[in-house]
Amino acid sequence: MVKPRRYEHVCRVANLAQHIALNNGLGEEQGRLAYEAGILHDLARDLPDCELLRLAPPECEIDARHPLALHGRAARTLLERWGYTNGAVLDAVEDHTTGPRGQHSISACVYIADVSEPGRGVNDDIRELALVDLNAALNRAIVSKVTYLQGRGIEVHPRTLAAFQALPQAGAPALPIPLHPTND
């Protein structure tokens, strides 16, 4: 369902998400789920706007004006319709565009991998940090996304803004992402 260039990106994200999970001690099963979520994250990315809007009705004005922001939720809808049921992977697929909701390690791995995979040519620092400190890398990735969007006068999605506002203030400890399987 994706173009060849997008497929190359998807493979890089999947491999990096798995590598991040394993380097952070999440274990083989969580690493496999991070890879799976990475492979599936852009499933709906190349669909036309009308199809994205049909699969994931807008939750806010930004969604309505910029349907591409819906491709994570649209991919989740497709996967659920096809009978896919792993909640951690579904959450990671949905949240990769706006940031993880809550403390889900698989979502964090995929979000970070998506913004920092080598093919993008940016955020090398986030990728390097993610291999040693998942929490700090997630915080930096969210700040980077908000800073990038605001610096270009682009509206920040309410979900991304909520993730940004939930970050600890400077000097406060990072919100920990469980490094052991929980409800992921």
C-alpha atoms as a PDB file:
ATOM      1  CA  MET A   1       0.000   0.000   0.000  1.00  0.00           C
ATOM      2  CA  VAL A   2       3.021   2.298   0.065  1.00  0.00           C
ATOM      3  CA  LYS A   3       5.290   3.598  -2.647  1.00  0.00           C
ATOM      4  CA  PRO A   4       8.805   2.100  -2.930  1.00  0.00           C
ATOM      5  CA  ARG A   5      10.494   5.117  -1.341  1.00  0.00           C
ATOM      6  CA  ARG A   6       8.090   5.019   1.588  1.00  0.00           C
ATOM      7  CA  TYR A   7       8.701   1.285   1.961  1.00  0.00           C
ATOM      8  CA  GLU A   8      12.434   1.968   2.358  1.00  0.00           C
ATOM      9  CA  HIS A   9      11.573   4.477   5.126  1.00  0.00           C
ATOM     10  CA  VAL A  10       9.248   1.947   6.787  1.00  0.00           C
ATOM     11  CA  CYS A  11      12.001  -0.678   6.849  1.00  0.00           C
ATOM     12  CA  ARG A  12      14.491   1.773   8.360  1.00  0.00           C
ATOM     13  CA  VAL A  13      11.945   2.798  11.029  1.00  0.00           C
ATOM     14  CA  ALA A  14      11.156  -0.831  11.879  1.00  0.00           C
ATOM     15  CA  ASN A  15      14.823  -1.774  12.226  1.00  0.00           C
ATOM     16  CA  LEU A  16      15.636   1.307  14.280  1.00  0.00           C
ATOM     17  CA  ALA A  17      12.579   0.899  16.546  1.00  0.00           C
ATOM     18  CA  GLN A  18      13.634  -2.673  17.283  1.00  0.00           C
ATOM     19  CA  HIS A  19      17.226  -1.597  17.898  1.00  0.00           C
ATOM     20  CA  ILE A  20      16.063   1.143  20.296  1.00  0.00           C
ATOM     21  CA  ALA A  21      13.864  -1.324  22.187  1.00  0.00           C
ATOM     22  CA  LEU A  22      16.627  -3.888  22.534  1.00  0.00           C
ATOM     23  CA  ASN A  23      19.250  -1.313  23.533  1.00  0.00           C
ATOM     24  CA  ASN A  24      16.943  -0.089  26.283  1.00  0.00           C
ATOM     25  CA  GLY A  25      16.492  -3.563  27.740  1.00  0.00           C
ATOM     26  CA  LEU A  26      12.907  -4.080  26.640  1.00  0.00           C
ATOM     27  CA  GLY A  27      13.564  -7.682  25.639  1.00  0.00           C
ATOM     28  CA  GLU A  28      13.094  -9.753  22.511  1.00  0.00           C
ATOM     29  CA  GLU A  29       9.275  -9.751  22.536  1.00  0.00           C
ATOM     30  CA  GLN A  30       9.044  -5.982  22.920  1.00  0.00           C
ATOM     31  CA  GLY A  31      11.739  -5.608  20.256  1.00  0.00           C
ATOM     32  CA  ARG A  32       9.663  -7.753  17.906  1.00  0.00           C
ATOM     33  CA  LEU A  33       6.582  -5.633  18.609  1.00  0.00           C
ATOM     34  CA  ALA A  34       8.547  -2.425  18.007  1.00  0.00           C
ATOM     35  CA  TYR A  35       9.682  -3.845  14.651  1.00  0.00           C
ATOM     36  CA  GLU A  36       6.123  -4.873  13.788  1.00  0.00           C
ATOM     37  CA  ALA A  37       4.758  -1.427  14.664  1.00  0.00           C
ATOM     38  CA  GLY A  38       7.518   0.173  12.612  1.00  0.00           C
ATOM     39  CA  ILE A  39       6.622  -1.921   9.566  1.00  0.00           C
ATOM     40  CA  LEU A  40       2.940  -1.008   9.921  1.00  0.00           C
ATOM     41  CA  HIS A  41       3.208   2.660  10.970  1.00  0.00           C
ATOM     42  CA  ASP A  42       2.858   4.253   7.512  1.00  0.00           C
ATOM     43  CA  LEU A  43       0.358   1.755   6.120  1.00  0.00           C
ATOM     44  CA  ALA A  44      -2.101   4.555   5.261  1.00  0.00           C
ATOM     45  CA  ARG A  45       0.466   7.285   4.507  1.00  0.00           C
ATOM     46  CA  ASP A  46       0.014   7.208   0.737  1.00  0.00           C
ATOM     47  CA  LEU A  47      -3.786   7.085   0.733  1.00  0.00           C
ATOM     48  CA  PRO A  48      -5.691  10.043  -0.738  1.00  0.00           C
ATOM     49  CA  ASP A  49      -7.055  12.676   1.657  1.00  0.00           C
ATOM     50  CA  CYS A  50     -10.658  11.597   1.100  1.00  0.00           C
ATOM     51  CA  GLU A  51      -9.798   8.044   2.191  1.00  0.00           C
ATOM     52  CA  LEU A  52      -7.893   9.277   5.262  1.00  0.00           C
ATOM     53  CA  LEU A  53     -10.913  11.384   6.252  1.00  0.00           C
ATOM     54  CA  ARG A  54     -13.234   8.421   5.772  1.00  0.00           C
ATOM     55  CA  LEU A  55     -11.096   6.040   7.819  1.00  0.00           C
ATOM     56  CA  ALA A  56     -10.269   8.530  10.582  1.00  0.00           C
ATOM     57  CA  PRO A  57     -12.867  11.283  10.949  1.00  0.00           C
ATOM     58  CA  PRO A  58     -11.286  14.542  12.163  1.00  0.00           C
ATOM     59  CA  GLU A  59     -11.077  15.070  15.908  1.00  0.00           C
ATOM     60  CA  CYS A  60     -10.067  18.719  15.554  1.00  0.00           C
ATOM     61  CA  GLU A  61      -9.712  21.514  12.998  1.00  0.00           C
ATOM     62  CA  ILE A  62      -6.094  20.583  12.255  1.00  0.00           C
ATOM     63  CA  ASP A  63      -7.208  17.094  11.215  1.00  0.00           C
ATOM     64  CA  ALA A  64      -9.837  18.576   8.920  1.00  0.00           C
ATOM     65  CA  ARG A  65      -7.420  21.062   7.327  1.00  0.00           C
ATOM     66  CA  HIS A  66      -4.485  18.645   7.126  1.00  0.00           C
ATOM     67  CA  PRO A  67      -5.785  15.103   6.540  1.00  0.00           C
ATOM     68  CA  LEU A  68      -2.255  13.739   6.304  1.00  0.00           C
ATOM     69  CA  ALA A  69      -2.135  14.118  10.106  1.00  0.00           C
ATOM     70  CA  LEU A  70      -4.750  11.335  10.177  1.00  0.00           C
ATOM     71  CA  HIS A  71      -2.648   8.639   8.550  1.00  0.00           C
ATOM     72  CA  GLY A  72      -1.708   7.039  11.884  1.00  0.00           C
ATOM     73  CA  ARG A  73      -5.311   6.751  13.020  1.00  0.00           C
ATOM     74  CA  ALA A  74      -6.360   5.627   9.542  1.00  0.00           C
ATOM     75  CA  ALA A  75      -3.731   2.868   9.603  1.00  0.00           C
ATOM     76  CA  ARG A  76      -5.007   1.727  12.981  1.00  0.00           C
ATOM     77  CA  THR A  77      -8.563   1.595  11.611  1.00  0.00           C
ATOM     78  CA  LEU A  78      -7.447  -0.529   8.669  1.00  0.00           C
ATOM     79  CA  LEU A  79      -5.490  -2.904  10.902  1.00  0.00           C
ATOM     80  CA  GLU A  80      -8.454  -3.334  13.243  1.00  0.00           C
ATOM     81  CA  ARG A  81     -10.772  -4.005  10.298  1.00  0.00           C
ATOM     82  CA  TRP A  82      -8.354  -6.666   9.118  1.00  0.00           C
ATOM     83  CA  GLY A  83      -8.481  -8.334  12.549  1.00  0.00           C
ATOM     84  CA  TYR A  84      -5.188  -7.142  13.998  1.00  0.00           C
ATOM     85  CA  THR A  85      -5.515  -6.945  17.791  1.00  0.00           C
ATOM     86  CA  ASN A  86      -2.192  -6.188  19.515  1.00  0.00           C
ATOM     87  CA  GLY A  87      -2.961  -3.021  21.466  1.00  0.00           C
ATOM     88  CA  ALA A  88       0.646  -1.898  21.916  1.00  0.00           C
ATOM     89  CA  VAL A  89       1.282  -2.048  18.168  1.00  0.00           C
ATOM     90  CA  LEU A  90      -2.054  -0.413  17.331  1.00  0.00           C
ATOM     91  CA  ASP A  91      -1.296   2.433  19.762  1.00  0.00           C
ATOM     92  CA  ALA A  92       2.195   2.898  18.319  1.00  0.00           C
ATOM     93  CA  VAL A  93       0.832   3.005  14.761  1.00  0.00           C
ATOM     94  CA  GLU A  94      -1.820   5.549  15.726  1.00  0.00           C
ATOM     95  CA  ASP A  95       0.486   7.715  17.831  1.00  0.00           C
ATOM     96  CA  HIS A  96       3.501   7.901  15.540  1.00  0.00           C
ATOM     97  CA  THR A  97       2.277  11.147  13.972  1.00  0.00           C
ATOM     98  CA  THR A  98       1.399  13.049  17.135  1.00  0.00           C
ATOM     99  CA  GLY A  99       3.395  11.447  19.931  1.00  0.00           C
ATOM    100  CA  PRO A 100       2.755   8.678  22.414  1.00  0.00           C
ATOM    101  CA  ARG A 101      -0.264   9.019  24.672  1.00  0.00           C
ATOM    102  CA  GLY A 102       0.780   7.778  28.069  1.00  0.00           C
ATOM    103  CA  GLN A 103       3.862   5.802  28.906  1.00  0.00           C
ATOM    104  CA  HIS A 104       4.044   3.156  26.204  1.00  0.00           C
ATOM    105  CA  SER A 105       7.528   1.974  25.357  1.00  0.00           C
ATOM    106  CA  ILE A 106       6.636   0.557  21.923  1.00  0.00           C
ATOM    107  CA  SER A 107       5.003   3.853  20.938  1.00  0.00           C
ATOM    108  CA  ALA A 108       8.073   5.735  22.138  1.00  0.00           C
ATOM    109  CA  CYS A 109      10.414   3.514  20.119  1.00  0.00           C
ATOM    110  CA  VAL A 110       8.412   3.967  16.909  1.00  0.00           C
ATOM    111  CA  TYR A 111       7.878   7.718  17.371  1.00  0.00           C
ATOM    112  CA  ILE A 112      11.598   8.267  17.938  1.00  0.00           C
ATOM    113  CA  ALA A 113      12.580   5.958  15.070  1.00  0.00           C
ATOM    114  CA  ASP A 114      10.197   7.741  12.702  1.00  0.00           C
ATOM    115  CA  VAL A 115      11.632  11.197  13.428  1.00  0.00           C
ATOM    116  CA  SER A 116      15.269  10.107  13.502  1.00  0.00           C
ATOM    117  CA  GLU A 117      15.776   7.259  11.025  1.00  0.00           C
ATOM    118  CA  PRO A 118      18.958   7.816   9.015  1.00  0.00           C
ATOM    119  CA  GLY A 119      17.176   8.348   5.681  1.00  0.00           C
ATOM    120  CA  ARG A 120      15.665  11.597   6.961  1.00  0.00           C
ATOM    121  CA  GLY A 121      19.111  13.155   7.377  1.00  0.00           C
ATOM    122  CA  VAL A 122      18.088  14.941  10.601  1.00  0.00           C
ATOM    123  CA  ASN A 123      17.843  14.275  14.322  1.00  0.00           C
ATOM    124  CA  ASP A 124      20.976  12.129  14.530  1.00  0.00           C
ATOM    125  CA  ASP A 125      21.354  13.327  18.126  1.00  0.00           C
ATOM    126  CA  ILE A 126      17.915  11.960  19.015  1.00  0.00           C
ATOM    127  CA  ARG A 127      18.723   8.609  17.403  1.00  0.00           C
ATOM    128  CA  GLU A 128      22.043   8.353  19.291  1.00  0.00           C
ATOM    129  CA  LEU A 129      20.379   9.309  22.580  1.00  0.00           C
ATOM    130  CA  ALA A 130      17.577   6.778  22.034  1.00  0.00           C
ATOM    131  CA  LEU A 131      20.103   3.962  22.059  1.00  0.00           C
ATOM    132  CA  VAL A 132      21.053   4.779  25.656  1.00  0.00           C
ATOM    133  CA  ASP A 133      18.123   6.722  27.166  1.00  0.00           C
ATOM    134  CA  LEU A 134      14.621   6.154  25.781  1.00  0.00           C
ATOM    135  CA  ASN A 135      12.973   8.729  28.059  1.00  0.00           C
ATOM    136  CA  ALA A 136      15.390  11.535  27.283  1.00  0.00           C
ATOM    137  CA  ALA A 137      15.213  10.777  23.554  1.00  0.00           C
ATOM    138  CA  LEU A 138      11.411  10.851  23.582  1.00  0.00           C
ATOM    139  CA  ASN A 139      11.407  14.171  25.389  1.00  0.00           C
ATOM    140  CA  ARG A 140      13.918  15.597  22.911  1.00  0.00           C
ATOM    141  CA  ALA A 141      11.928  14.248  19.938  1.00  0.00           C
ATOM    142  CA  ILE A 142       8.712  15.879  21.142  1.00  0.00           C
ATOM    143  CA  VAL A 143      10.457  19.196  21.823  1.00  0.00           C
ATOM    144  CA  SER A 144      12.130  18.991  18.414  1.00  0.00           C
ATOM    145  CA  LYS A 145       8.820  18.420  16.633  1.00  0.00           C
ATOM    146  CA  VAL A 146       7.035  21.268  18.421  1.00  0.00           C
ATOM    147  CA  THR A 147       9.976  23.636  17.907  1.00  0.00           C
ATOM    148  CA  TYR A 148      10.145  22.728  14.203  1.00  0.00           C
ATOM    149  CA  LEU A 149       6.410  23.251  13.650  1.00  0.00           C
ATOM    150  CA  GLN A 150       6.211  26.491  15.629  1.00  0.00           C
ATOM    151  CA  GLY A 151       9.348  27.833  13.940  1.00  0.00           C
ATOM    152  CA  ARG A 152       7.622  27.442  10.585  1.00  0.00           C
ATOM    153  CA  GLY A 153       4.293  28.831  11.739  1.00  0.00           C
ATOM    154  CA  ILE A 154       2.603  25.424  11.465  1.00  0.00           C
ATOM    155  CA  GLU A 155      -0.154  24.551  13.896  1.00  0.00           C
ATOM    156  CA  VAL A 156       0.765  21.953  16.491  1.00  0.00           C
ATOM    157  CA  HIS A 157      -1.711  19.091  16.745  1.00  0.00           C
ATOM    158  CA  PRO A 158      -3.541  19.031  20.121  1.00  0.00           C
ATOM    159  CA  ARG A 159      -2.218  15.528  20.846  1.00  0.00           C
ATOM    160  CA  THR A 160       1.362  16.670  20.200  1.00  0.00           C
ATOM    161  CA  LEU A 161       0.806  19.766  22.279  1.00  0.00           C
ATOM    162  CA  ALA A 162      -0.539  17.604  25.132  1.00  0.00           C
ATOM    163  CA  ALA A 163       2.564  15.391  24.938  1.00  0.00           C
ATOM    164  CA  PHE A 164       4.752  18.509  24.949  1.00  0.00           C
ATOM    165  CA  GLN A 165       2.942  20.051  27.910  1.00  0.00           C
ATOM    166  CA  ALA A 166       3.293  16.788  29.846  1.00  0.00           C
ATOM    167  CA  LEU A 167       7.079  16.959  29.591  1.00  0.00           C
ATOM    168  CA  PRO A 168       8.943  17.769  32.790  1.00  0.00           C
ATOM    169  CA  GLN A 169      10.123  21.336  33.266  1.00  0.00           C
ATOM    170  CA  ALA A 170      13.821  22.028  32.846  1.00  0.00           C
ATOM    171  CA  GLY A 171      15.734  20.348  35.635  1.00  0.00           C
ATOM    172  CA  ALA A 172      12.856  18.074  36.653  1.00  0.00           C
ATOM    173  CA  PRO A 173      13.228  14.326  36.171  1.00  0.00           C
ATOM    174  CA  ALA A 174      11.884  12.861  32.946  1.00  0.00           C
ATOM    175  CA  LEU A 175       8.638  10.953  33.079  1.00  0.00           C
ATOM    176  CA  PRO A 176       9.735   7.337  33.055  1.00  0.00           C
ATOM    177  CA  ILE A 177       8.604   4.972  30.362  1.00  0.00           C
ATOM    178  CA  PRO A 178       8.363   1.482  31.858  1.00  0.00           C
ATOM    179  CA  LEU A 179      11.259  -0.575  30.588  1.00  0.00           C
ATOM    180  CA  HIS A 180       9.521  -3.806  31.427  1.00  0.00           C
ATOM    181  CA  PRO A 181       6.471  -5.123  29.628  1.00  0.00           C
ATOM    182  CA  THR A 182       3.287  -3.707  31.105  1.00  0.00           C
ATOM    183  CA  ASN A 183       0.159  -3.045  29.120  1.00  0.00           C
ATOM    184  CA  ASP A 184       2.269  -2.469  26.012  1.00  0.00           C
END
